[in-house]
C-alpha cells in the first residue's frame, strides 16, 4: 500500500498514521510544529516520524478498519473512545517477535 505524507492535524496531536480512502494510501501526518522540528533534526520529531511509519508497515489493516468503522480517530489517538479496548489499539500493541509474556 502506498505511503504518503501530510501536515494537517487537529490541534494537540503531534502525528498520526491514517488511511486515506481517496488515495488508497496510508498517510503519515505530522503537526506543523513536528514538521519544523523534523526539518531541524530534532530527536523527538525523528522518532515520531519513524513511529508513524512503523504503524503504516505493521498495522495497515487496522488503519483501514479504523476508517471503515467510522471511529473518531482523534479520540482513539488519545485513548478515550467508548468501547475501545486499549489492548486492541495499535498504540499499545508490541511486536510479538520482540517481546513475549
Protein backbone atom coordinates (compact mmCIF):
# COMPACT_ATOMS: atom_id res chain seq x y z
CA UNK A 1 0.00 0.00 0.00
CA UNK A 2 1.43 3.44 -0.87
CA UNK A 3 2.66 5.71 1.91
CA UNK A 4 2.09 9.46 1.65
CA UNK A 5 2.75 12.38 3.95
CA UNK A 6 0.78 15.35 5.18
CA UNK A 7 0.97 18.26 7.61
CA UNK A 8 -2.64 18.59 8.66
CA UNK A 9 -3.64 17.53 12.16
CA UNK A 10 -6.09 18.73 14.80
CA UNK A 11 -4.55 20.90 17.50
CA UNK A 12 -2.85 18.84 20.19
CA UNK A 13 -1.70 15.90 18.04
CA UNK A 14 1.97 15.53 17.11
CA UNK A 15 1.49 12.91 14.43
CA UNK A 16 -0.90 10.29 13.11
CA UNK A 17 -0.95 7.40 10.66
CA UNK A 18 -4.29 7.03 8.89
CA UNK A 19 -5.80 5.50 5.79
CA UNK A 20 -6.86 7.95 3.08
CA UNK A 21 -9.68 6.36 1.10
CA UNK A 22 -9.47 8.91 -1.73
CA UNK A 23 -5.85 7.98 -2.47
CA UNK A 24 -5.90 4.35 -1.33
CA UNK A 25 -2.81 5.10 0.74
CA UNK A 26 -1.61 5.35 4.32
CA UNK A 27 -0.85 8.96 5.25
CA UNK A 28 1.79 9.76 7.84
CA UNK A 29 0.68 13.19 9.03
CA UNK A 30 2.72 15.49 11.24
CA UNK A 31 1.69 18.64 13.05
CA UNK A 32 3.27 21.82 11.74
CA UNK A 33 5.46 22.06 14.84
CA UNK A 34 6.64 18.46 14.50
CA UNK A 35 7.37 19.03 10.81
CA UNK A 36 9.57 22.06 11.55
CA UNK A 37 11.32 20.16 14.35
CA UNK A 38 11.93 17.31 11.90
CA UNK A 39 13.48 19.73 9.41
CA UNK A 40 15.77 20.94 12.22
CA UNK A 41 16.79 17.36 13.04
CA UNK A 42 15.19 17.22 16.50
CA UNK A 43 15.40 13.73 18.01
CA UNK A 44 11.77 13.50 19.17
CA UNK A 45 10.48 14.54 15.74
CA UNK A 46 12.70 11.94 14.06
CA UNK A 47 11.39 9.28 16.44
CA UNK A 48 7.81 10.42 15.86
CA UNK A 49 8.15 10.08 12.09
CA UNK A 50 9.65 6.60 12.49
CA UNK A 51 6.86 5.66 14.90
CA UNK A 52 4.16 6.59 12.38
CA UNK A 53 5.98 4.81 9.55
CA UNK A 54 6.04 1.78 11.84
CA UNK A 55 2.24 1.89 12.13
CA UNK A 56 1.98 2.03 8.34
CA UNK A 57 4.17 -1.05 8.00
CA UNK A 58 2.98 -3.13 10.94
CA UNK A 59 -0.75 -2.32 11.11
CA UNK A 60 -2.07 -1.25 7.68
CA UNK A 61 -5.18 -3.41 8.03
CA UNK A 62 -6.08 -1.79 11.35
CA UNK A 63 -5.72 1.67 9.81
CA UNK A 64 -8.14 0.68 7.03
CA UNK A 65 -10.51 -0.93 9.55
CA UNK A 66 -10.44 2.21 11.71
CA UNK A 67 -11.63 4.24 8.71
CA UNK A 68 -14.32 1.70 7.83
CA UNK A 69 -15.64 1.67 11.40
CA UNK A 70 -16.18 5.47 11.26
CA UNK A 71 -14.43 5.80 14.61
CA UNK A 72 -13.34 9.26 15.71
CA UNK A 73 -9.62 8.72 15.21
CA UNK A 74 -8.62 11.71 17.33
CA UNK A 75 -10.35 10.01 20.24
CA UNK A 76 -8.54 6.77 19.52
CA UNK A 77 -5.24 8.58 19.43
CA UNK A 78 -5.93 9.85 22.91
CA UNK A 79 -7.34 6.52 24.15
CA UNK A 80 -10.81 7.77 25.11
CA UNK A 81 -13.22 6.09 22.68
CA UNK A 82 -16.06 4.31 24.46
CA UNK A 83 -15.93 0.56 23.96
CA UNK A 84 -12.43 0.66 22.52
CA UNK A 85 -10.23 -1.86 24.32
CA UNK A 86 -6.72 -0.41 24.80
CA UNK A 87 -5.06 -3.80 24.27
CA UNK A 88 -6.52 -3.88 20.74
CA UNK A 89 -5.18 -0.40 19.95
CA UNK A 90 -2.08 -0.32 17.75
CA UNK A 91 -0.53 2.21 20.14
CA UNK A 92 -0.48 -0.40 22.87
CA UNK A 93 0.48 -3.46 20.86
CA UNK A 94 4.04 -4.75 20.87
CA UNK A 95 5.70 -6.68 18.13
CA UNK A 96 5.14 -10.26 19.24
CA UNK A 97 8.51 -11.44 17.99
CA UNK A 98 10.32 -8.89 20.16
CA UNK A 99 8.59 -9.47 23.48
CA UNK A 100 6.57 -12.39 24.77
CA UNK A 101 4.86 -12.92 28.13
